[in-house]
PDB file of N, CA and C in Angstrom:
ATOM      1  N   MET A   1     -19.410   0.194  14.796  1.00  0.00           N
ATOM      2  CA  MET A   1     -18.460   1.210  14.795  1.00  0.00           C
ATOM      3  C   MET A   1     -19.028   2.683  15.091  1.00  0.00           C
ATOM      4  N   GLN A   2     -18.502   3.088  16.108  1.00  0.00           N
ATOM      5  CA  GLN A   2     -19.282   4.623  16.623  1.00  0.00           C
ATOM      6  C   GLN A   2     -17.933   5.802  16.329  1.00  0.00           C
ATOM      7  N   ARG A   3     -18.015   6.873  16.233  1.00  0.00           N
ATOM      8  CA  ARG A   3     -17.257   7.933  15.864  1.00  0.00           C
ATOM      9  C   ARG A   3     -17.635   9.367  16.964  1.00  0.00           C
ATOM     10  N   VAL A   4     -16.827   9.732  17.696  1.00  0.00           N
ATOM     11  CA  VAL A   4     -17.134  10.792  18.287  1.00  0.00           C
ATOM     12  C   VAL A   4     -16.037  11.699  18.277  1.00  0.00           C
ATOM     13  N   ARG A   5     -16.262  13.285  18.303  1.00  0.00           N
ATOM     14  CA  ARG A   5     -15.365  14.281  18.154  1.00  0.00           C
ATOM     15  C   ARG A   5     -15.746  15.040  19.517  1.00  0.00           C
ATOM     16  N   VAL A   6     -14.097  15.264  20.062  1.00  0.00           N
ATOM     17  CA  VAL A   6     -14.249  15.654  21.583  1.00  0.00           C
ATOM     18  C   VAL A   6     -13.482  17.210  21.497  1.00  0.00           C
ATOM     19  N   LEU A   7     -13.898  17.960  22.235  1.00  0.00           N
ATOM     20  CA  LEU A   7     -13.216  19.097  22.750  1.00  0.00           C
ATOM     21  C   LEU A   7     -12.933  18.980  24.188  1.00  0.00           C
ATOM     22  N   VAL A   8     -11.454  19.115  24.644  1.00  0.00           N
ATOM     23  CA  VAL A   8     -10.902  18.923  25.697  1.00  0.00           C
ATOM     24  C   VAL A   8     -10.416  20.519  26.192  1.00  0.00           C
ATOM     25  N   ASP A   9     -10.636  21.057  27.186  1.00  0.00           N
ATOM     26  CA  ASP A   9      -9.961  22.203  27.878  1.00  0.00           C
ATOM     27  C   ASP A   9      -9.708  22.003  29.200  1.00  0.00           C
ATOM     28  N   GLY A  10      -8.708  22.495  29.645  1.00  0.00           N
ATOM     29  CA  GLY A  10      -7.889  22.725  31.077  1.00  0.00           C
ATOM     30  C   GLY A  10      -6.533  22.529  30.751  1.00  0.00           C
ATOM     31  N   ARG A  11      -5.646  22.330  31.700  1.00  0.00           N
ATOM     32  CA  ARG A  11      -4.281  21.996  31.467  1.00  0.00           C
ATOM     33  C   ARG A  11      -3.802  20.943  30.552  1.00  0.00           C
ATOM     34  N   VAL A  12      -3.949  20.905  29.277  1.00  0.00           N
ATOM     35  CA  VAL A  12      -3.984  19.690  28.206  1.00  0.00           C
ATOM     36  C   VAL A  12      -2.939  19.927  27.383  1.00  0.00           C
ATOM     37  N   GLN A  13      -2.254  21.361  27.143  1.00  0.00           N
ATOM     38  CA  GLN A  13      -1.051  21.287  26.478  1.00  0.00           C
ATOM     39  C   GLN A  13       0.197  21.510  27.284  1.00  0.00           C
ATOM     40  N   GLY A  14       1.381  21.167  26.293  1.00  0.00           N
ATOM     41  CA  GLY A  14       2.394  21.163  27.113  1.00  0.00           C
ATOM     42  C   GLY A  14       2.841  20.026  28.356  1.00  0.00           C
ATOM     43  N   VAL A  15       1.965  19.098  28.605  1.00  0.00           N
ATOM     44  CA  VAL A  15       1.881  18.123  29.746  1.00  0.00           C
ATOM     45  C   VAL A  15       1.934  16.841  29.152  1.00  0.00           C
ATOM     46  N   GLY A  16       2.014  16.515  27.893  1.00  0.00           N
ATOM     47  CA  GLY A  16       2.312  15.237  27.523  1.00  0.00           C
ATOM     48  C   GLY A  16       0.460  14.450  27.360  1.00  0.00           C
ATOM     49  N   TYR A  17      -0.385  15.170  27.390  1.00  0.00           N
ATOM     50  CA  TYR A  17      -1.742  14.790  27.163  1.00  0.00           C
ATOM     51  C   TYR A  17      -2.081  14.177  25.843  1.00  0.00           C
ATOM     52  N   ARG A  18      -1.616  14.700  24.669  1.00  0.00           N
ATOM     53  CA  ARG A  18      -1.680  14.146  23.379  1.00  0.00           C
ATOM     54  C   ARG A  18      -1.053  12.726  23.338  1.00  0.00           C
ATOM     55  N   HIS A  19       0.140  12.862  23.919  1.00  0.00           N
ATOM     56  CA  HIS A  19       0.730  11.201  24.073  1.00  0.00           C
ATOM     57  C   HIS A  19      -0.011  10.308  24.887  1.00  0.00           C
ATOM     58  N   PHE A  20      -0.309  10.812  25.958  1.00  0.00           N
ATOM     59  CA  PHE A  20      -1.360  10.183  26.822  1.00  0.00           C
ATOM     60  C   PHE A  20      -2.494   9.365  25.973  1.00  0.00           C
ATOM     61  N   VAL A  21      -3.282  10.225  25.351  1.00  0.00           N
ATOM     62  CA  VAL A  21      -4.198   9.841  24.607  1.00  0.00           C
ATOM     63  C   VAL A  21      -3.889   8.932  23.546  1.00  0.00           C
ATOM     64  N   TYR A  22      -3.016   9.177  22.845  1.00  0.00           N
ATOM     65  CA  TYR A  22      -2.320   8.365  21.915  1.00  0.00           C
ATOM     66  C   TYR A  22      -2.245   6.796  22.066  1.00  0.00           C
ATOM     67  N   GLN A  23      -1.465   6.898  23.345  1.00  0.00           N
ATOM     68  CA  GLN A  23      -1.536   5.424  24.286  1.00  0.00           C
ATOM     69  C   GLN A  23      -2.538   4.657  24.423  1.00  0.00           C
ATOM     70  N   GLN A  24      -3.475   5.381  24.818  1.00  0.00           N
ATOM     71  CA  GLN A  24      -4.921   4.854  25.501  1.00  0.00           C
ATOM     72  C   GLN A  24      -5.776   4.327  24.324  1.00  0.00           C
ATOM     73  N   ALA A  25      -5.320   5.063  23.424  1.00  0.00           N
ATOM     74  CA  ALA A  25      -6.329   4.995  21.909  1.00  0.00           C
ATOM     75  C   ALA A  25      -5.510   3.774  21.541  1.00  0.00           C
ATOM     76  N   ASN A  26      -4.189   3.475  21.333  1.00  0.00           N
ATOM     77  CA  ASN A  26      -3.545   1.953  20.986  1.00  0.00           C
ATOM     78  C   ASN A  26      -4.296   0.820  21.687  1.00  0.00           C
ATOM     79  N   TYR A  27      -4.200   1.238  23.177  1.00  0.00           N
ATOM     80  CA  TYR A  27      -4.497   0.226  23.912  1.00  0.00           C
ATOM     81  C   TYR A  27      -5.770  -0.513  23.831  1.00  0.00           C
ATOM     82  N   HIS A  28      -6.790   0.760  23.531  1.00  0.00           N
ATOM     83  CA  HIS A  28      -8.174   0.318  23.151  1.00  0.00           C
ATOM     84  C   HIS A  28      -8.600   0.118  21.964  1.00  0.00           C
ATOM     85  N   GLN A  29      -7.751   0.171  21.097  1.00  0.00           N
ATOM     86  CA  GLN A  29      -8.024  -0.259  19.602  1.00  0.00           C
ATOM     87  C   GLN A  29      -9.073   0.772  18.736  1.00  0.00           C
ATOM     88  N   ILE A  30      -8.621   2.061  19.064  1.00  0.00           N
ATOM     89  CA  ILE A  30      -9.590   3.107  18.690  1.00  0.00           C
ATOM     90  C   ILE A  30      -8.348   3.874  17.711  1.00  0.00           C
ATOM     91  N   ASN A  31      -9.303   4.229  16.690  1.00  0.00           N
ATOM     92  CA  ASN A  31      -8.719   4.988  15.323  1.00  0.00           C
ATOM     93  C   ASN A  31      -8.917   6.517  15.360  1.00  0.00           C
ATOM     94  N   GLY A  32      -8.172   7.231  14.634  1.00  0.00           N
ATOM     95  CA  GLY A  32      -8.415   8.718  14.554  1.00  0.00           C
ATOM     96  C   GLY A  32      -7.384   9.606  15.121  1.00  0.00           C
ATOM     97  N   TYR A  33      -7.505  10.506  15.571  1.00  0.00           N
ATOM     98  CA  TYR A  33      -6.321  11.713  15.934  1.00  0.00           C
ATOM     99  C   TYR A  33      -6.545  12.266  17.182  1.00  0.00           C
ATOM    100  N   VAL A  34      -5.655  12.909  17.704  1.00  0.00           N
ATOM    101  CA  VAL A  34      -5.630  14.032  18.622  1.00  0.00           C
ATOM    102  C   VAL A  34      -4.619  15.061  18.185  1.00  0.00           C
ATOM    103  N   LYS A  35      -5.276  16.328  18.429  1.00  0.00           N
ATOM    104  CA  LYS A  35      -4.423  17.581  18.222  1.00  0.00           C
ATOM    105  C   LYS A  35      -4.701  18.763  18.946  1.00  0.00           C
ATOM    106  N   ASN A  36      -3.642  19.553  19.395  1.00  0.00           N
ATOM    107  CA  ASN A  36      -3.767  20.610  19.941  1.00  0.00           C
ATOM    108  C   ASN A  36      -4.755  21.667  19.249  1.00  0.00           C
ATOM    109  N   MET A  37      -5.351  22.445  19.947  1.00  0.00           N
ATOM    110  CA  MET A  37      -6.264  23.558  19.030  1.00  0.00           C
ATOM    111  C   MET A  37      -5.726  24.866  19.436  1.00  0.00           C
ATOM    112  N   GLN A  38      -6.122  25.741  18.661  1.00  0.00           N
ATOM    113  CA  GLN A  38      -5.588  27.258  19.177  1.00  0.00           C
ATOM    114  C   GLN A  38      -6.333  27.823  20.465  1.00  0.00           C
ATOM    115  N   GLY A  39      -5.614  28.363  21.253  1.00  0.00           N
ATOM    116  CA  GLY A  39      -6.519  28.826  22.542  1.00  0.00           C
ATOM    117  C   GLY A  39      -6.076  27.734  23.726  1.00  0.00           C
ATOM    118  N   GLY A  40      -5.536  26.573  23.484  1.00  0.00           N
ATOM    119  CA  GLY A  40      -5.013  25.937  24.434  1.00  0.00           C
ATOM    120  C   GLY A  40      -5.872  24.503  24.693  1.00  0.00           C
ATOM    121  N   GLY A  41      -6.802  24.158  24.110  1.00  0.00           N
ATOM    122  CA  GLY A  41      -7.258  23.190  24.053  1.00  0.00           C
ATOM    123  C   GLY A  41      -6.828  22.045  23.071  1.00  0.00           C
ATOM    124  N   VAL A  42      -7.883  20.750  23.342  1.00  0.00           N
ATOM    125  CA  VAL A  42      -7.301  19.590  22.392  1.00  0.00           C
ATOM    126  C   VAL A  42      -8.340  19.093  21.797  1.00  0.00           C
ATOM    127  N   GLU A  43      -8.352  18.439  20.697  1.00  0.00           N
ATOM    128  CA  GLU A  43      -9.358  17.970  19.816  1.00  0.00           C
ATOM    129  C   GLU A  43      -9.072  16.508  19.734  1.00  0.00           C
ATOM    130  N   ILE A  44     -10.037  15.680  20.058  1.00  0.00           N
ATOM    131  CA  ILE A  44      -9.741  14.082  19.927  1.00  0.00           C
ATOM    132  C   ILE A  44     -10.797  13.896  18.649  1.00  0.00           C
ATOM    133  N   ASP A  45     -10.476  13.086  17.514  1.00  0.00           N
ATOM    134  CA  ASP A  45     -11.489  12.298  16.896  1.00  0.00           C
ATOM    135  C   ASP A  45     -11.213  11.008  16.848  1.00  0.00           C
ATOM    136  N   ALA A  46     -12.595  10.173  17.374  1.00  0.00           N
ATOM    137  CA  ALA A  46     -12.147   8.694  17.594  1.00  0.00           C
ATOM    138  C   ALA A  46     -13.147   7.886  17.157  1.00  0.00           C
ATOM    139  N   GLU A  47     -13.017   6.575  16.807  1.00  0.00           N
ATOM    140  CA  GLU A  47     -13.855   5.985  16.239  1.00  0.00           C
ATOM    141  C   GLU A  47     -13.527   4.087  16.728  1.00  0.00           C
ATOM    142  N   GLY A  48     -14.359   3.652  17.011  1.00  0.00           N
ATOM    143  CA  GLY A  48     -14.081   2.227  16.961  1.00  0.00           C
ATOM    144  C   GLY A  48     -15.383   1.696  17.651  1.00  0.00           C
ATOM    145  N   ASP A  49     -15.031   0.327  18.132  1.00  0.00           N
ATOM    146  CA  ASP A  49     -15.996  -0.497  19.070  1.00  0.00           C
ATOM    147  C   ASP A  49     -16.499   0.361  19.943  1.00  0.00           C
ATOM    148  N   PRO A  50     -18.020   0.396  20.252  1.00  0.00           N
ATOM    149  CA  PRO A  50     -18.671   1.420  21.291  1.00  0.00           C
ATOM    150  C   PRO A  50     -18.404   1.080  22.500  1.00  0.00           C
ATOM    151  N   GLN A  51     -18.244  -0.160  22.930  1.00  0.00           N
ATOM    152  CA  GLN A  51     -17.798  -0.122  24.291  1.00  0.00           C
ATOM    153  C   GLN A  51     -16.222   0.163  24.887  1.00  0.00           C
ATOM    154  N   MET A  52     -15.430  -0.094  23.901  1.00  0.00           N
ATOM    155  CA  MET A  52     -14.085   0.162  23.903  1.00  0.00           C
ATOM    156  C   MET A  52     -13.932   1.834  23.739  1.00  0.00           C
ATOM    157  N   LEU A  53     -14.769   2.437  23.030  1.00  0.00           N
ATOM    158  CA  LEU A  53     -14.694   3.748  22.882  1.00  0.00           C
ATOM    159  C   LEU A  53     -15.204   4.513  24.067  1.00  0.00           C
ATOM    160  N   ASP A  54     -16.318   3.951  24.592  1.00  0.00           N
ATOM    161  CA  ASP A  54     -16.332   4.389  25.809  1.00  0.00           C
ATOM    162  C   ASP A  54     -15.328   4.536  27.334  1.00  0.00           C
ATOM    163  N   LYS A  55     -14.850   3.264  26.973  1.00  0.00           N
ATOM    164  CA  LYS A  55     -13.785   3.233  28.086  1.00  0.00           C
ATOM    165  C   LYS A  55     -12.420   3.997  27.711  1.00  0.00           C
ATOM    166  N   PHE A  56     -12.370   4.184  26.641  1.00  0.00           N
ATOM    167  CA  PHE A  56     -11.255   4.981  26.016  1.00  0.00           C
ATOM    168  C   PHE A  56     -11.747   6.697  26.469  1.00  0.00           C
ATOM    169  N   LEU A  57     -12.794   7.113  26.311  1.00  0.00           N
ATOM    170  CA  LEU A  57     -13.140   8.564  26.520  1.00  0.00           C
ATOM    171  C   LEU A  57     -13.434   8.384  28.057  1.00  0.00           C
ATOM    172  N   HIS A  58     -13.794   7.542  28.575  1.00  0.00           N
ATOM    173  CA  HIS A  58     -13.781   7.999  30.278  1.00  0.00           C
ATOM    174  C   HIS A  58     -12.426   8.034  30.701  1.00  0.00           C
ATOM    175  N   ILE A  59     -11.451   7.243  30.207  1.00  0.00           N
ATOM    176  CA  ILE A  59     -10.030   7.301  30.710  1.00  0.00           C
ATOM    177  C   ILE A  59      -9.457   8.679  30.317  1.00  0.00           C
ATOM    178  N   CYS A  60      -9.954   9.028  28.976  1.00  0.00           N
ATOM    179  CA  CYS A  60      -9.317  10.574  28.455  1.00  0.00           C
ATOM    180  C   CYS A  60     -10.003  11.473  29.151  1.00  0.00           C
ATOM    181  N   SER A  61     -11.248  11.705  29.602  1.00  0.00           N
ATOM    182  CA  SER A  61     -11.943  12.693  30.276  1.00  0.00           C
ATOM    183  C   SER A  61     -11.217  12.781  31.882  1.00  0.00           C
ATOM    184  N   THR A  62     -10.584  11.848  32.313  1.00  0.00           N
ATOM    185  CA  THR A  62     -10.227  11.914  33.670  1.00  0.00           C
ATOM    186  C   THR A  62      -8.506  12.591  33.669  1.00  0.00           C
ATOM    187  N   GLY A  63      -8.047  12.350  32.480  1.00  0.00           N
ATOM    188  CA  GLY A  63      -6.815  12.803  32.029  1.00  0.00           C
ATOM    189  C   GLY A  63      -5.690  11.802  32.897  1.00  0.00           C
ATOM    190  N   TYR A  64      -4.608  12.339  33.228  1.00  0.00           N
ATOM    191  CA  TYR A  64      -3.597  11.537  34.250  1.00  0.00           C
ATOM    192  C   TYR A  64      -3.008  12.889  34.976  1.00  0.00           C
ATOM    193  N   SER A  65      -1.900  12.393  35.926  1.00  0.00           N
ATOM    194  CA  SER A  65      -1.475  13.402  36.855  1.00  0.00           C
ATOM    195  C   SER A  65      -1.050  14.659  36.406  1.00  0.00           C
ATOM    196  N   MET A  66      -0.227  14.724  35.143  1.00  0.00           N
ATOM    197  CA  MET A  66       0.173  16.101  34.637  1.00  0.00           C
ATOM    198  C   MET A  66      -0.616  16.874  34.144  1.00  0.00           C
ATOM    199  N   ALA A  67      -1.944  16.416  33.754  1.00  0.00           N
ATOM    200  CA  ALA A  67      -3.236  17.148  32.828  1.00  0.00           C
ATOM    201  C   ALA A  67      -4.099  17.485  33.997  1.00  0.00           C
ATOM    202  N   ARG A  68      -4.915  18.490  33.589  1.00  0.00           N
ATOM    203  CA  ARG A  68      -6.199  18.721  34.364  1.00  0.00           C
ATOM    204  C   ARG A  68      -7.284  18.753  33.257  1.00  0.00           C
ATOM    205  N   VAL A  69      -8.291  18.037  33.426  1.00  0.00           N
ATOM    206  CA  VAL A  69      -9.339  18.376  32.437  1.00  0.00           C
ATOM    207  C   VAL A  69     -10.580  18.994  32.978  1.00  0.00           C
ATOM    208  N   ASP A  70     -10.853  19.989  32.453  1.00  0.00           N
ATOM    209  CA  ASP A  70     -11.995  20.789  32.965  1.00  0.00           C
ATOM    210  C   ASP A  70     -13.099  20.779  32.366  1.00  0.00           C
ATOM    211  N   THR A  71     -13.003  20.688  30.982  1.00  0.00           N
ATOM    212  CA  THR A  71     -14.394  20.331  30.483  1.00  0.00           C
ATOM    213  C   THR A  71     -13.966  19.255  29.220  1.00  0.00           C
ATOM    214  N   PHE A  72     -14.932  18.513  28.913  1.00  0.00           N
ATOM    215  CA  PHE A  72     -14.666  17.636  27.994  1.00  0.00           C
ATOM    216  C   PHE A  72     -16.078  17.299  27.195  1.00  0.00           C
ATOM    217  N   TYR A  73     -16.400  17.884  25.909  1.00  0.00           N
ATOM    218  CA  TYR A  73     -17.388  18.210  25.233  1.00  0.00           C
ATOM    219  C   TYR A  73     -17.203  17.137  24.409  1.00  0.00           C
ATOM    220  N   ARG A  74     -17.935  16.226  24.091  1.00  0.00           N
ATOM    221  CA  ARG A  74     -18.273  15.186  23.066  1.00  0.00           C
ATOM    222  C   ARG A  74     -19.479  15.258  22.233  1.00  0.00           C
ATOM    223  N   GLN A  75     -19.387  15.073  20.844  1.00  0.00           N
ATOM    224  CA  GLN A  75     -20.466  15.129  20.014  1.00  0.00           C
ATOM    225  C   GLN A  75     -20.165  13.703  18.922  1.00  0.00           C
ATOM    226  N   GLN A  76     -21.270  13.184  18.763  1.00  0.00           N
ATOM    227  CA  GLN A  76     -21.299  12.008  18.042  1.00  0.00           C
ATOM    228  C   GLN A  76     -21.264  12.251  16.547  1.00  0.00           C
ATOM    229  N   VAL A  77     -20.536  11.652  15.599  1.00  0.00           N
ATOM    230  CA  VAL A  77     -20.669  12.333  14.343  1.00  0.00           C
ATOM    231  C   VAL A  77     -20.372  10.650  13.445  1.00  0.00           C
ATOM    232  N   VAL A  78     -20.737  11.021  12.046  1.00  0.00           N
ATOM    233  CA  VAL A  78     -20.573   9.908  11.218  1.00  0.00           C
ATOM    234  C   VAL A  78     -19.409   9.510  11.096  1.00  0.00           C
ATOM    235  N   PRO A  79     -19.515   7.833  11.303  1.00  0.00           N
ATOM    236  CA  PRO A  79     -18.158   7.183  11.001  1.00  0.00           C
ATOM    237  C   PRO A  79     -17.456   7.757   9.879  1.00  0.00           C
ATOM    238  N   TYR A  80     -16.190   7.587   9.980  1.00  0.00           N
ATOM    239  CA  TYR A  80     -15.056   7.843   8.706  1.00  0.00           C
ATOM    240  C   TYR A  80     -14.527   7.127   8.168  1.00  0.00           C
ATOM    241  N   GLY A  81     -13.840   5.629   9.082  1.00  0.00           N
ATOM    242  CA  GLY A  81     -13.130   4.975   8.561  1.00  0.00           C
ATOM    243  C   GLY A  81     -11.668   4.869   8.724  1.00  0.00           C
ATOM    244  N   PHE A  82     -11.171   5.705   9.785  1.00  0.00           N
ATOM    245  CA  PHE A  82      -9.897   5.886  10.013  1.00  0.00           C
ATOM    246  C   PHE A  82      -9.203   4.276  10.435  1.00  0.00           C
ATOM    247  N   THR A  83      -8.235   4.304   9.852  1.00  0.00           N
ATOM    248  CA  THR A  83      -7.273   2.965  10.052  1.00  0.00           C
ATOM    249  C   THR A  83      -6.178   2.615  11.028  1.00  0.00           C
ATOM    250  N   ARG A  84      -5.978   4.154  11.720  1.00  0.00           N
ATOM    251  CA  ARG A  84      -5.137   4.054  12.820  1.00  0.00           C
ATOM    252  C   ARG A  84      -5.381   5.142  13.682  1.00  0.00           C
ATOM    253  N   PHE A  85      -4.387   5.322  14.856  1.00  0.00           N
ATOM    254  CA  PHE A  85      -4.769   6.715  15.533  1.00  0.00           C
ATOM    255  C   PHE A  85      -2.985   7.391  15.228  1.00  0.00           C
ATOM    256  N   ARG A  86      -3.181   8.838  15.488  1.00  0.00           N
ATOM    257  CA  ARG A  86      -2.243   9.487  15.332  1.00  0.00           C
ATOM    258  C   ARG A  86      -2.150  10.722  15.903  1.00  0.00           C
ATOM    259  N   ILE A  87      -1.202  11.600  16.086  1.00  0.00           N
ATOM    260  CA  ILE A  87      -1.032  12.858  16.954  1.00  0.00           C
ATOM    261  C   ILE A  87      -1.102  13.561  15.583  1.00  0.00           C
ATOM    262  N   MET A  88      -1.796  14.661  15.533  1.00  0.00           N
ATOM    263  CA  MET A  88      -1.864  15.446  14.401  1.00  0.00           C
ATOM    264  C   MET A  88      -1.002  16.895  14.802  1.00  0.00           C
ATOM    265  N   HIS A  89      -0.147  17.310  14.155  1.00  0.00           N
ATOM    266  CA  HIS A  89       0.635  18.769  14.384  1.00  0.00           C
ATOM    267  C   HIS A  89      -0.134  19.613  13.735  1.00  0.00           C
ATOM    268  N   SER A  90      -0.773  20.383  14.836  1.00  0.00           N
ATOM    269  CA  SER A  90      -1.283  21.814  14.293  1.00  0.00           C
ATOM    270  C   SER A  90      -0.211  22.758  13.580  1.00  0.00           C
ATOM    271  N   GLU A  91      -1.150  23.354  12.686  1.00  0.00           N
ATOM    272  CA  GLU A  91      -0.538  24.071  11.566  1.00  0.00           C
ATOM    273  C   GLU A  91      -0.207  25.410  12.137  1.00  0.00           C
ATOM    274  N   TYR A  92      -0.817  25.802  13.278  1.00  0.00           N
ATOM    275  CA  TYR A  92      -0.445  27.088  13.803  1.00  0.00           C
ATOM    276  C   TYR A  92       0.640  27.403  15.011  1.00  0.00           C
ATOM    277  N   LEU A  93       1.199  26.047  15.228  1.00  0.00           N
ATOM    278  CA  LEU A  93       2.085  25.986  16.195  1.00  0.00           C
ATOM    279  C   LEU A  93       3.529  26.279  15.194  1.00  0.00           C
TER     280      LEU A  93
END
């Protein structure tokens, strides 16, 4: 089990990027969450099998047609034990 926290900047809010990440997480059997951050970025906290996690992160770093990923900073952190993946709603919105 491996866990990473990712900060994504670019055109990633208001374009369905969180839903895209959610779908990819479920497909790749990744647990954790994705949420919008103040300032226009997105945070992804994800854990799972290292190979599946790498595939998931690669897809998230390239985005999809409606989004544009400019920076994708990831940091490995201690596993937490998430049991599912969800879209978190930011308290500032």
